[in-house]
Amino acid sequence: MRILTSNHYNKKLGISLIVIAALFTAVGQLLWKLSSGHININLILGCLLYGFGAIFMIIAFKFERVSLLHPFLSLGYVISIILGFLLLSEEISIPKLLGTLLIIIGVILVGGKNE
């Protein structure tokens, strides 16, 4: 049985919080797009979610190094591509798909490393 240290929990908590931040900021930006540049509920909710994303990011950096966590914010690009495809009928080209896979691989390589 492996004993997990508090550093292990801090890393997992930091990563979880930064992924939530990426999700909130990506959804916030989608809502900005849906607002069509007008002041409406989409714009207001988008600003709130983006702000919550920033708060989660600040809290996450309390638990782990910036150099480990910051690459996880690039998952916001992955989330945006998925949301654009599902909700805005945007196409996912082969280059975009390959780039998205590279982002995911990069995040795994950076965040999956045990130090």
PDB file of N, CA and C in Angstrom:
ATOM      1  N   MET A   1       0.841  -1.175   0.000  1.00  0.00           N
ATOM      2  CA  MET A   1       0.000   0.000   0.000  1.00  0.00           C
ATOM      3  C   MET A   1       0.888   1.240   0.000  1.00  0.00           C
ATOM      4  N   ARG A   2       0.581   2.160  -0.889  1.00  0.00           N
ATOM      5  CA  ARG A   2       1.366   3.376  -1.006  1.00  0.00           C
ATOM      6  C   ARG A   2       0.743   4.480  -0.155  1.00  0.00           C
ATOM      7  N   ILE A   3       1.558   5.127   0.624  1.00  0.00           N
ATOM      8  CA  ILE A   3       1.079   6.226   1.458  1.00  0.00           C
ATOM      9  C   ILE A   3       1.196   7.509   0.646  1.00  0.00           C
ATOM     10  N   LEU A   4       0.088   8.219   0.533  1.00  0.00           N
ATOM     11  CA  LEU A   4       0.066   9.461  -0.222  1.00  0.00           C
ATOM     12  C   LEU A   4       0.371  10.623   0.710  1.00  0.00           C
ATOM     13  N   THR A   5       1.272  11.457   0.281  1.00  0.00           N
ATOM     14  CA  THR A   5       1.652  12.610   1.097  1.00  0.00           C
ATOM     15  C   THR A   5       0.698  13.771   0.842  1.00  0.00           C
ATOM     16  N   SER A   6       0.781  14.764   1.697  1.00  0.00           N
ATOM     17  CA  SER A   6      -0.053  15.947   1.496  1.00  0.00           C
ATOM     18  C   SER A   6       0.334  16.656   0.201  1.00  0.00           C
ATOM     19  N   ASN A   7       1.621  16.539  -0.223  1.00  0.00           N
ATOM     20  CA  ASN A   7       2.043  17.133  -1.491  1.00  0.00           C
ATOM     21  C   ASN A   7       1.294  16.507  -2.657  1.00  0.00           C
ATOM     22  N   HIS A   8       1.046  15.196  -2.565  1.00  0.00           N
ATOM     23  CA  HIS A   8       0.287  14.501  -3.606  1.00  0.00           C
ATOM     24  C   HIS A   8      -1.128  15.049  -3.674  1.00  0.00           C
ATOM     25  N   TYR A   9      -1.750  15.258  -2.514  1.00  0.00           N
ATOM     26  CA  TYR A   9      -3.106  15.812  -2.471  1.00  0.00           C
ATOM     27  C   TYR A   9      -3.116  17.246  -2.972  1.00  0.00           C
ATOM     28  N   ASN A  10      -2.091  18.027  -2.619  1.00  0.00           N
ATOM     29  CA  ASN A  10      -2.002  19.403  -3.095  1.00  0.00           C
ATOM     30  C   ASN A  10      -1.906  19.446  -4.613  1.00  0.00           C
ATOM     31  N   LYS A  11      -1.116  18.540  -5.193  1.00  0.00           N
ATOM     32  CA  LYS A  11      -0.977  18.492  -6.645  1.00  0.00           C
ATOM     33  C   LYS A  11      -2.317  18.164  -7.285  1.00  0.00           C
ATOM     34  N   LYS A  12      -3.002  17.139  -6.777  1.00  0.00           N
ATOM     35  CA  LYS A  12      -4.302  16.760  -7.340  1.00  0.00           C
ATOM     36  C   LYS A  12      -5.329  17.883  -7.193  1.00  0.00           C
ATOM     37  N   LEU A  13      -5.328  18.542  -6.036  1.00  0.00           N
ATOM     38  CA  LEU A  13      -6.257  19.640  -5.813  1.00  0.00           C
ATOM     39  C   LEU A  13      -5.939  20.807  -6.742  1.00  0.00           C
ATOM     40  N   GLY A  14      -4.672  21.137  -6.857  1.00  0.00           N
ATOM     41  CA  GLY A  14      -4.267  22.221  -7.750  1.00  0.00           C
ATOM     42  C   GLY A  14      -4.655  21.941  -9.188  1.00  0.00           C
ATOM     43  N   ILE A  15      -4.409  20.717  -9.655  1.00  0.00           N
ATOM     44  CA  ILE A  15      -4.766  20.341 -11.023  1.00  0.00           C
ATOM     45  C   ILE A  15      -6.275  20.383 -11.208  1.00  0.00           C
ATOM     46  N   SER A  16      -7.013  19.859 -10.257  1.00  0.00           N
ATOM     47  CA  SER A  16      -8.486  19.874 -10.354  1.00  0.00           C
ATOM     48  C   SER A  16      -9.012  21.303 -10.444  1.00  0.00           C
ATOM     49  N   LEU A  17      -8.491  22.176  -9.605  1.00  0.00           N
ATOM     50  CA  LEU A  17      -8.946  23.570  -9.611  1.00  0.00           C
ATOM     51  C   LEU A  17      -8.589  24.279 -10.913  1.00  0.00           C
ATOM     52  N   ILE A  18      -7.412  24.003 -11.454  1.00  0.00           N
ATOM     53  CA  ILE A  18      -7.006  24.684 -12.686  1.00  0.00           C
ATOM     54  C   ILE A  18      -7.814  24.173 -13.872  1.00  0.00           C
ATOM     55  N   VAL A  19      -8.186  22.889 -13.868  1.00  0.00           N
ATOM     56  CA  VAL A  19      -9.045  22.354 -14.942  1.00  0.00           C
ATOM     57  C   VAL A  19     -10.438  22.983 -14.860  1.00  0.00           C
ATOM     58  N   ILE A  20     -10.941  23.162 -13.650  1.00  0.00           N
ATOM     59  CA  ILE A  20     -12.228  23.852 -13.478  1.00  0.00           C
ATOM     60  C   ILE A  20     -12.107  25.290 -13.984  1.00  0.00           C
ATOM     61  N   ALA A  21     -10.990  25.935 -13.698  1.00  0.00           N
ATOM     62  CA  ALA A  21     -10.765  27.301 -14.186  1.00  0.00           C
ATOM     63  C   ALA A  21     -10.786  27.334 -15.713  1.00  0.00           C
ATOM     64  N   ALA A  22     -10.137  26.366 -16.349  1.00  0.00           N
ATOM     65  CA  ALA A  22     -10.123  26.299 -17.816  1.00  0.00           C
ATOM     66  C   ALA A  22     -11.530  26.097 -18.358  1.00  0.00           C
ATOM     67  N   LEU A  23     -12.312  25.252 -17.698  1.00  0.00           N
ATOM     68  CA  LEU A  23     -13.690  25.006 -18.113  1.00  0.00           C
ATOM     69  C   LEU A  23     -14.532  26.277 -17.985  1.00  0.00           C
ATOM     70  N   PHE A  24     -14.429  26.934 -16.840  1.00  0.00           N
ATOM     71  CA  PHE A  24     -15.209  28.160 -16.618  1.00  0.00           C
ATOM     72  C   PHE A  24     -14.849  29.246 -17.629  1.00  0.00           C
ATOM     73  N   THR A  25     -13.563  29.442 -17.889  1.00  0.00           N
ATOM     74  CA  THR A  25     -13.175  30.494 -18.820  1.00  0.00           C
ATOM     75  C   THR A  25     -13.599  30.151 -20.247  1.00  0.00           C
ATOM     76  N   ALA A  26     -13.517  28.883 -20.623  1.00  0.00           N
ATOM     77  CA  ALA A  26     -13.948  28.490 -21.975  1.00  0.00           C
ATOM     78  C   ALA A  26     -15.456  28.685 -22.147  1.00  0.00           C
ATOM     79  N   VAL A  27     -16.238  28.286 -21.167  1.00  0.00           N
ATOM     80  CA  VAL A  27     -17.693  28.465 -21.245  1.00  0.00           C
ATOM     81  C   VAL A  27     -18.035  29.949 -21.196  1.00  0.00           C
ATOM     82  N   GLY A  28     -17.316  30.706 -20.381  1.00  0.00           N
ATOM     83  CA  GLY A  28     -17.535  32.152 -20.325  1.00  0.00           C
ATOM     84  C   GLY A  28     -17.307  32.797 -21.681  1.00  0.00           C
ATOM     85  N   GLN A  29     -16.240  32.400 -22.362  1.00  0.00           N
ATOM     86  CA  GLN A  29     -15.950  32.951 -23.681  1.00  0.00           C
ATOM     87  C   GLN A  29     -17.004  32.528 -24.704  1.00  0.00           C
ATOM     88  N   LEU A  30     -17.493  31.300 -24.592  1.00  0.00           N
ATOM     89  CA  LEU A  30     -18.577  30.852 -25.479  1.00  0.00           C
ATOM     90  C   LEU A  30     -19.815  31.730 -25.287  1.00  0.00           C
ATOM     91  N   LEU A  31     -20.124  32.031 -24.044  1.00  0.00           N
ATOM     92  CA  LEU A  31     -21.279  32.883 -23.767  1.00  0.00           C
ATOM     93  C   LEU A  31     -21.072  34.299 -24.304  1.00  0.00           C
ATOM     94  N   TRP A  32     -19.830  34.792 -24.263  1.00  0.00           N
ATOM     95  CA  TRP A  32     -19.543  36.089 -24.881  1.00  0.00           C
ATOM     96  C   TRP A  32     -19.877  36.038 -26.367  1.00  0.00           C
ATOM     97  N   LYS A  33     -19.458  34.955 -27.008  1.00  0.00           N
ATOM     98  CA  LYS A  33     -19.735  34.776 -28.441  1.00  0.00           C
ATOM     99  C   LYS A  33     -21.237  34.755 -28.689  1.00  0.00           C
ATOM    100  N   LEU A  34     -21.970  34.046 -27.846  1.00  0.00           N
ATOM    101  CA  LEU A  34     -23.419  33.936 -28.019  1.00  0.00           C
ATOM    102  C   LEU A  34     -24.148  35.251 -27.729  1.00  0.00           C
ATOM    103  N   SER A  35     -23.490  36.158 -27.021  1.00  0.00           N
ATOM    104  CA  SER A  35     -24.124  37.449 -26.715  1.00  0.00           C
ATOM    105  C   SER A  35     -24.157  38.354 -27.936  1.00  0.00           C
ATOM    106  N   SER A  36     -23.378  38.016 -28.957  1.00  0.00           N
ATOM    107  CA  SER A  36     -23.285  38.816 -30.191  1.00  0.00           C
ATOM    108  C   SER A  36     -22.864  40.261 -29.913  1.00  0.00           C
ATOM    109  N   GLY A  37     -22.102  40.455 -28.859  1.00  0.00           N
ATOM    110  CA  GLY A  37     -21.592  41.781 -28.542  1.00  0.00           C
ATOM    111  C   GLY A  37     -22.617  42.715 -27.915  1.00  0.00           C
ATOM    112  N   HIS A  38     -23.758  42.169 -27.532  1.00  0.00           N
ATOM    113  CA  HIS A  38     -24.793  42.983 -26.882  1.00  0.00           C
ATOM    114  C   HIS A  38     -24.816  42.689 -25.384  1.00  0.00           C
ATOM    115  N   ILE A  39     -25.242  43.664 -24.618  1.00  0.00           N
ATOM    116  CA  ILE A  39     -25.376  43.440 -23.178  1.00  0.00           C
ATOM    117  C   ILE A  39     -26.664  42.651 -22.955  1.00  0.00           C
ATOM    118  N   ASN A  40     -26.492  41.391 -22.599  1.00  0.00           N
ATOM    119  CA  ASN A  40     -27.627  40.510 -22.335  1.00  0.00           C
ATOM    120  C   ASN A  40     -27.193  39.450 -21.327  1.00  0.00           C
ATOM    121  N   ILE A  41     -28.078  38.498 -21.053  1.00  0.00           N
ATOM    122  CA  ILE A  41     -27.788  37.480 -20.027  1.00  0.00           C
ATOM    123  C   ILE A  41     -26.560  36.645 -20.390  1.00  0.00           C
ATOM    124  N   ASN A  42     -26.365  36.357 -21.680  1.00  0.00           N
ATOM    125  CA  ASN A  42     -25.184  35.585 -22.076  1.00  0.00           C
ATOM    126  C   ASN A  42     -23.894  36.329 -21.750  1.00  0.00           C
ATOM    127  N   LEU A  43     -23.875  37.613 -22.029  1.00  0.00           N
ATOM    128  CA  LEU A  43     -22.678  38.403 -21.737  1.00  0.00           C
ATOM    129  C   LEU A  43     -22.424  38.468 -20.237  1.00  0.00           C
ATOM    130  N   ILE A  44     -23.466  38.692 -19.471  1.00  0.00           N
ATOM    131  CA  ILE A  44     -23.324  38.794 -18.021  1.00  0.00           C
ATOM    132  C   ILE A  44     -22.869  37.466 -17.416  1.00  0.00           C
ATOM    133  N   LEU A  45     -23.523  36.364 -17.820  1.00  0.00           N
ATOM    134  CA  LEU A  45     -23.116  35.039 -17.320  1.00  0.00           C
ATOM    135  C   LEU A  45     -21.695  34.699 -17.772  1.00  0.00           C
ATOM    136  N   GLY A  46     -21.357  35.069 -18.997  1.00  0.00           N
ATOM    137  CA  GLY A  46     -20.005  34.835 -19.497  1.00  0.00           C
ATOM    138  C   GLY A  46     -18.958  35.544 -18.660  1.00  0.00           C
ATOM    139  N   CYS A  47     -19.244  36.787 -18.307  1.00  0.00           N
ATOM    140  CA  CYS A  47     -18.308  37.548 -17.461  1.00  0.00           C
ATOM    141  C   CYS A  47     -18.189  36.916 -16.075  1.00  0.00           C
ATOM    142  N   LEU A  48     -19.315  36.480 -15.532  1.00  0.00           N
ATOM    143  CA  LEU A  48     -19.286  35.837 -14.208  1.00  0.00           C
ATOM    144  C   LEU A  48     -18.474  34.539 -14.244  1.00  0.00           C
ATOM    145  N   LEU A  49     -18.732  33.701 -15.248  1.00  0.00           N
ATOM    146  CA  LEU A  49     -17.990  32.442 -15.336  1.00  0.00           C
ATOM    147  C   LEU A  49     -16.504  32.686 -15.556  1.00  0.00           C
ATOM    148  N   TYR A  50     -16.181  33.649 -16.398  1.00  0.00           N
ATOM    149  CA  TYR A  50     -14.784  33.973 -16.635  1.00  0.00           C
ATOM    150  C   TYR A  50     -14.126  34.455 -15.332  1.00  0.00           C
ATOM    151  N   GLY A  51     -14.863  35.257 -14.582  1.00  0.00           N
ATOM    152  CA  GLY A  51     -14.357  35.723 -13.285  1.00  0.00           C
ATOM    153  C   GLY A  51     -14.169  34.585 -12.298  1.00  0.00           C
ATOM    154  N   PHE A  52     -15.136  33.651 -12.259  1.00  0.00           N
ATOM    155  CA  PHE A  52     -14.986  32.475 -11.396  1.00  0.00           C
ATOM    156  C   PHE A  52     -13.774  31.651 -11.823  1.00  0.00           C
ATOM    157  N   GLY A  53     -13.563  31.561 -13.140  1.00  0.00           N
ATOM    158  CA  GLY A  53     -12.382  30.856 -13.637  1.00  0.00           C
ATOM    159  C   GLY A  53     -11.105  31.482 -13.111  1.00  0.00           C
ATOM    160  N   ALA A  54     -11.050  32.806 -13.101  1.00  0.00           N
ATOM    161  CA  ALA A  54      -9.865  33.504 -12.578  1.00  0.00           C
ATOM    162  C   ALA A  54      -9.690  33.227 -11.087  1.00  0.00           C
ATOM    163  N   ILE A  55     -10.790  33.194 -10.350  1.00  0.00           N
ATOM    164  CA  ILE A  55     -10.714  32.911  -8.911  1.00  0.00           C
ATOM    165  C   ILE A  55     -10.202  31.500  -8.666  1.00  0.00           C
ATOM    166  N   PHE A  56     -10.739  30.529  -9.420  1.00  0.00           N
ATOM    167  CA  PHE A  56     -10.266  29.152  -9.274  1.00  0.00           C
ATOM    168  C   PHE A  56      -8.786  29.046  -9.623  1.00  0.00           C
ATOM    169  N   MET A  57      -8.351  29.815 -10.631  1.00  0.00           N
ATOM    170  CA  MET A  57      -6.951  29.811 -11.018  1.00  0.00           C
ATOM    171  C   MET A  57      -6.075  30.329  -9.877  1.00  0.00           C
ATOM    172  N   ILE A  58      -6.470  31.415  -9.268  1.00  0.00           N
ATOM    173  CA  ILE A  58      -5.718  31.999  -8.158  1.00  0.00           C
ATOM    174  C   ILE A  58      -5.617  31.003  -7.003  1.00  0.00           C
ATOM    175  N   ILE A  59      -6.725  30.355  -6.686  1.00  0.00           N
ATOM    176  CA  ILE A  59      -6.735  29.368  -5.595  1.00  0.00           C
ATOM    177  C   ILE A  59      -5.846  28.177  -5.951  1.00  0.00           C
ATOM    178  N   ALA A  60      -5.922  27.723  -7.211  1.00  0.00           N
ATOM    179  CA  ALA A  60      -5.111  26.567  -7.634  1.00  0.00           C
ATOM    180  C   ALA A  60      -3.625  26.837  -7.443  1.00  0.00           C
ATOM    181  N   PHE A  61      -3.188  28.056  -7.778  1.00  0.00           N
ATOM    182  CA  PHE A  61      -1.768  28.387  -7.667  1.00  0.00           C
ATOM    183  C   PHE A  61      -1.289  28.374  -6.216  1.00  0.00           C
ATOM    184  N   LYS A  62      -2.201  28.393  -5.283  1.00  0.00           N
ATOM    185  CA  LYS A  62      -1.848  28.290  -3.868  1.00  0.00           C
ATOM    186  C   LYS A  62      -1.369  26.867  -3.528  1.00  0.00           C
ATOM    187  N   PHE A  63      -1.838  25.873  -4.302  1.00  0.00           N
ATOM    188  CA  PHE A  63      -1.572  24.477  -3.967  1.00  0.00           C
ATOM    189  C   PHE A  63      -0.450  23.830  -4.768  1.00  0.00           C
ATOM    190  N   GLU A  64      -0.034  24.461  -5.853  1.00  0.00           N
ATOM    191  CA  GLU A  64       0.992  23.828  -6.681  1.00  0.00           C
ATOM    192  C   GLU A  64       1.740  24.899  -7.461  1.00  0.00           C
ATOM    193  N   ARG A  65       2.864  24.504  -8.018  1.00  0.00           N
ATOM    194  CA  ARG A  65       3.723  25.418  -8.777  1.00  0.00           C
ATOM    195  C   ARG A  65       3.039  25.913 -10.050  1.00  0.00           C
ATOM    196  N   VAL A  66       3.316  27.136 -10.408  1.00  0.00           N
ATOM    197  CA  VAL A  66       2.788  27.712 -11.640  1.00  0.00           C
ATOM    198  C   VAL A  66       3.281  26.919 -12.848  1.00  0.00           C
ATOM    199  N   SER A  67       4.535  26.503 -12.826  1.00  0.00           N
ATOM    200  CA  SER A  67       5.114  25.785 -13.963  1.00  0.00           C
ATOM    201  C   SER A  67       4.420  24.447 -14.226  1.00  0.00           C
ATOM    202  N   LEU A  68       3.827  23.868 -13.216  1.00  0.00           N
ATOM    203  CA  LEU A  68       3.080  22.626 -13.409  1.00  0.00           C
ATOM    204  C   LEU A  68       1.640  22.920 -13.819  1.00  0.00           C
ATOM    205  N   LEU A  69       1.014  23.896 -13.177  1.00  0.00           N
ATOM    206  CA  LEU A  69      -0.409  24.139 -13.394  1.00  0.00           C
ATOM    207  C   LEU A  69      -0.731  24.928 -14.658  1.00  0.00           C
ATOM    208  N   HIS A  70       0.087  25.899 -14.986  1.00  0.00           N
ATOM    209  CA  HIS A  70      -0.266  26.784 -16.093  1.00  0.00           C
ATOM    210  C   HIS A  70      -0.508  26.045 -17.412  1.00  0.00           C
ATOM    211  N   PRO A  71       0.256  25.013 -17.757  1.00  0.00           N
ATOM    212  CA  PRO A  71      -0.052  24.288 -18.998  1.00  0.00           C
ATOM    213  C   PRO A  71      -1.465  23.684 -19.028  1.00  0.00           C
ATOM    214  N   PHE A  72      -2.034  23.397 -17.873  1.00  0.00           N
ATOM    215  CA  PHE A  72      -3.387  22.840 -17.833  1.00  0.00           C
ATOM    216  C   PHE A  72      -4.426  23.844 -18.330  1.00  0.00           C
ATOM    217  N   LEU A  73      -4.100  25.123 -18.275  1.00  0.00           N
ATOM    218  CA  LEU A  73      -5.028  26.126 -18.797  1.00  0.00           C
ATOM    219  C   LEU A  73      -5.236  25.970 -20.294  1.00  0.00           C
ATOM    220  N   SER A  74      -4.271  25.359 -20.976  1.00  0.00           N
ATOM    221  CA  SER A  74      -4.431  25.134 -22.414  1.00  0.00           C
ATOM    222  C   SER A  74      -5.567  24.159 -22.715  1.00  0.00           C
ATOM    223  N   LEU A  75      -6.044  23.450 -21.703  1.00  0.00           N
ATOM    224  CA  LEU A  75      -7.222  22.603 -21.911  1.00  0.00           C
ATOM    225  C   LEU A  75      -8.450  23.445 -22.253  1.00  0.00           C
ATOM    226  N   GLY A  76      -8.404  24.723 -21.928  1.00  0.00           N
ATOM    227  CA  GLY A  76      -9.480  25.629 -22.341  1.00  0.00           C
ATOM    228  C   GLY A  76      -9.630  25.648 -23.856  1.00  0.00           C
ATOM    229  N   TYR A  77      -8.509  25.531 -24.599  1.00  0.00           N
ATOM    230  CA  TYR A  77      -8.582  25.461 -26.058  1.00  0.00           C
ATOM    231  C   TYR A  77      -9.309  24.189 -26.495  1.00  0.00           C
ATOM    232  N   VAL A  78      -9.010  23.101 -25.848  1.00  0.00           N
ATOM    233  CA  VAL A  78      -9.652  21.824 -26.167  1.00  0.00           C
ATOM    234  C   VAL A  78     -11.156  21.919 -25.895  1.00  0.00           C
ATOM    235  N   ILE A  79     -11.504  22.469 -24.750  1.00  0.00           N
ATOM    236  CA  ILE A  79     -12.911  22.628 -24.377  1.00  0.00           C
ATOM    237  C   ILE A  79     -13.612  23.548 -25.382  1.00  0.00           C
ATOM    238  N   SER A  80     -12.949  24.623 -25.787  1.00  0.00           N
ATOM    239  CA  SER A  80     -13.543  25.558 -26.742  1.00  0.00           C
ATOM    240  C   SER A  80     -13.816  24.903 -28.083  1.00  0.00           C
ATOM    241  N   ILE A  81     -12.894  24.079 -28.538  1.00  0.00           N
ATOM    242  CA  ILE A  81     -13.092  23.385 -29.813  1.00  0.00           C
ATOM    243  C   ILE A  81     -14.286  22.438 -29.726  1.00  0.00           C
ATOM    244  N   ILE A  82     -14.388  21.730 -28.621  1.00  0.00           N
ATOM    245  CA  ILE A  82     -15.516  20.806 -28.433  1.00  0.00           C
ATOM    246  C   ILE A  82     -16.827  21.574 -28.358  1.00  0.00           C
ATOM    247  N   LEU A  83     -16.860  22.657 -27.586  1.00  0.00           N
ATOM    248  CA  LEU A  83     -18.077  23.460 -27.467  1.00  0.00           C
ATOM    249  C   LEU A  83     -18.461  24.084 -28.809  1.00  0.00           C
ATOM    250  N   GLY A  84     -17.471  24.575 -29.543  1.00  0.00           N
ATOM    251  CA  GLY A  84     -17.741  25.146 -30.860  1.00  0.00           C
ATOM    252  C   GLY A  84     -18.344  24.123 -31.808  1.00  0.00           C
ATOM    253  N   PHE A  85     -17.825  22.918 -31.752  1.00  0.00           N
ATOM    254  CA  PHE A  85     -18.344  21.835 -32.591  1.00  0.00           C
ATOM    255  C   PHE A  85     -19.768  21.466 -32.189  1.00  0.00           C
ATOM    256  N   LEU A  86     -19.992  21.280 -30.884  1.00  0.00           N
ATOM    257  CA  LEU A  86     -21.296  20.821 -30.397  1.00  0.00           C
ATOM    258  C   LEU A  86     -22.383  21.899 -30.444  1.00  0.00           C
ATOM    259  N   LEU A  87     -22.025  23.138 -30.124  1.00  0.00           N
ATOM    260  CA  LEU A  87     -23.046  24.176 -29.957  1.00  0.00           C
ATOM    261  C   LEU A  87     -23.101  25.195 -31.096  1.00  0.00           C
ATOM    262  N   LEU A  88     -22.012  25.344 -31.825  1.00  0.00           N
ATOM    263  CA  LEU A  88     -21.973  26.352 -32.881  1.00  0.00           C
ATOM    264  C   LEU A  88     -21.810  25.739 -34.269  1.00  0.00           C
ATOM    265  N   SER A  89     -21.820  24.418 -34.332  1.00  0.00           N
ATOM    266  CA  SER A  89     -21.670  23.679 -35.597  1.00  0.00           C
ATOM    267  C   SER A  89     -20.368  24.030 -36.325  1.00  0.00           C
ATOM    268  N   GLU A  90     -19.322  24.326 -35.567  1.00  0.00           N
ATOM    269  CA  GLU A  90     -18.026  24.608 -36.170  1.00  0.00           C
ATOM    270  C   GLU A  90     -17.363  23.291 -36.572  1.00  0.00           C
ATOM    271  N   GLU A  91     -16.642  23.341 -37.673  1.00  0.00           N
ATOM    272  CA  GLU A  91     -15.958  22.142 -38.152  1.00  0.00           C
ATOM    273  C   GLU A  91     -14.641  21.940 -37.404  1.00  0.00           C
ATOM    274  N   ILE A  92     -14.269  20.680 -37.281  1.00  0.00           N
ATOM    275  CA  ILE A  92     -12.966  20.337 -36.711  1.00  0.00           C
ATOM    276  C   ILE A  92     -12.159  19.716 -37.843  1.00  0.00           C
ATOM    277  N   SER A  93     -11.223  20.487 -38.358  1.00  0.00           N
ATOM    278  CA  SER A  93     -10.376  20.012 -39.456  1.00  0.00           C
ATOM    279  C   SER A  93      -9.311  19.064 -38.909  1.00  0.00           C
ATOM    280  N   ILE A  94      -8.663  18.362 -39.808  1.00  0.00           N
ATOM    281  CA  ILE A  94      -7.576  17.453 -39.412  1.00  0.00           C
ATOM    282  C   ILE A  94      -6.454  18.222 -38.698  1.00  0.00           C
ATOM    283  N   PRO A  95      -5.996  19.356 -39.231  1.00  0.00           N
ATOM    284  CA  PRO A  95      -4.955  20.102 -38.499  1.00  0.00           C
ATOM    285  C   PRO A  95      -5.414  20.537 -37.100  1.00  0.00           C
ATOM    286  N   LYS A  96      -6.669  20.964 -37.000  1.00  0.00           N
ATOM    287  CA  LYS A  96      -7.184  21.379 -35.689  1.00  0.00           C
ATOM    288  C   LYS A  96      -7.250  20.180 -34.743  1.00  0.00           C
ATOM    289  N   LEU A  97      -7.658  19.046 -35.253  1.00  0.00           N
ATOM    290  CA  LEU A  97      -7.711  17.824 -34.444  1.00  0.00           C
ATOM    291  C   LEU A  97      -6.317  17.413 -33.988  1.00  0.00           C
ATOM    292  N   LEU A  98      -5.351  17.461 -34.901  1.00  0.00           N
ATOM    293  CA  LEU A  98      -3.969  17.109 -34.540  1.00  0.00           C
ATOM    294  C   LEU A  98      -3.402  18.086 -33.503  1.00  0.00           C
ATOM    295  N   GLY A  99      -3.675  19.370 -33.686  1.00  0.00           N
ATOM    296  CA  GLY A  99      -3.223  20.361 -32.712  1.00  0.00           C
ATOM    297  C   GLY A  99      -3.840  20.123 -31.345  1.00  0.00           C
ATOM    298  N   THR A 100      -5.121  19.772 -31.330  1.00  0.00           N
ATOM    299  CA  THR A 100      -5.815  19.487 -30.078  1.00  0.00           C
ATOM    300  C   THR A 100      -5.201  18.272 -29.384  1.00  0.00           C
ATOM    301  N   LEU A 101      -4.895  17.256 -30.164  1.00  0.00           N
ATOM    302  CA  LEU A 101      -4.252  16.062 -29.589  1.00  0.00           C
ATOM    303  C   LEU A 101      -2.871  16.398 -29.028  1.00  0.00           C
ATOM    304  N   LEU A 102      -2.141  17.276 -29.699  1.00  0.00           N
ATOM    305  CA  LEU A 102      -0.831  17.692 -29.187  1.00  0.00           C
ATOM    306  C   LEU A 102      -0.967  18.440 -27.864  1.00  0.00           C
ATOM    307  N   ILE A 103      -2.002  19.274 -27.762  1.00  0.00           N
ATOM    308  CA  ILE A 103      -2.243  19.980 -26.496  1.00  0.00           C
ATOM    309  C   ILE A 103      -2.494  18.969 -25.387  1.00  0.00           C
ATOM    310  N   ILE A 104      -3.348  17.990 -25.652  1.00  0.00           N
ATOM    311  CA  ILE A 104      -3.675  16.981 -24.641  1.00  0.00           C
ATOM    312  C   ILE A 104      -2.439  16.188 -24.250  1.00  0.00           C
ATOM    313  N   ILE A 105      -1.646  15.787 -25.226  1.00  0.00           N
ATOM    314  CA  ILE A 105      -0.411  15.042 -24.943  1.00  0.00           C
ATOM    315  C   ILE A 105       0.537  15.899 -24.107  1.00  0.00           C
ATOM    316  N   GLY A 106       0.669  17.180 -24.459  1.00  0.00           N
ATOM    317  CA  GLY A 106       1.533  18.079 -23.705  1.00  0.00           C
ATOM    318  C   GLY A 106       1.099  18.223 -22.260  1.00  0.00           C
ATOM    319  N   VAL A 107      -0.201  18.346 -22.049  1.00  0.00           N
ATOM    320  CA  VAL A 107      -0.716  18.471 -20.680  1.00  0.00           C
ATOM    321  C   VAL A 107      -0.432  17.188 -19.899  1.00  0.00           C
ATOM    322  N   ILE A 108      -0.620  16.043 -20.542  1.00  0.00           N
ATOM    323  CA  ILE A 108      -0.339  14.770 -19.868  1.00  0.00           C
ATOM    324  C   ILE A 108       1.138  14.660 -19.514  1.00  0.00           C
ATOM    325  N   LEU A 109       2.004  15.062 -20.436  1.00  0.00           N
ATOM    326  CA  LEU A 109       3.444  14.974 -20.172  1.00  0.00           C
ATOM    327  C   LEU A 109       3.874  15.916 -19.061  1.00  0.00           C
ATOM    328  N   VAL A 110       3.313  17.100 -19.021  1.00  0.00           N
ATOM    329  CA  VAL A 110       3.692  18.068 -17.992  1.00  0.00           C
ATOM    330  C   VAL A 110       3.056  17.717 -16.656  1.00  0.00           C
ATOM    331  N   GLY A 111       1.768  17.418 -16.662  1.00  0.00           N
ATOM    332  CA  GLY A 111       1.042  17.188 -15.415  1.00  0.00           C
ATOM    333  C   GLY A 111       1.132  15.784 -14.871  1.00  0.00           C
ATOM    334  N   GLY A 112       1.465  14.839 -15.737  1.00  0.00           N
ATOM    335  CA  GLY A 112       1.506  13.450 -15.294  1.00  0.00           C
ATOM    336  C   GLY A 112       2.808  13.042 -14.664  1.00  0.00           C
ATOM    337  N   LYS A 113       3.785  13.923 -14.755  1.00  0.00           N
ATOM    338  CA  LYS A 113       5.124  13.616 -14.242  1.00  0.00           C
ATOM    339  C   LYS A 113       5.133  13.642 -12.725  1.00  0.00           C
ATOM    340  N   ASN A 114       5.593  12.562 -12.133  1.00  0.00           N
ATOM    341  CA  ASN A 114       5.747  12.520 -10.664  1.00  0.00           C
ATOM    342  C   ASN A 114       7.147  13.006 -10.322  1.00  0.00           C
ATOM    343  N   GLU A 115       7.189  13.968  -9.450  1.00  0.00           N
ATOM    344  CA  GLU A 115       8.494  14.521  -9.053  1.00  0.00           C
ATOM    345  C   GLU A 115       8.764  14.247  -7.606  1.00  0.00           C
TER     346      GLU A 115
END
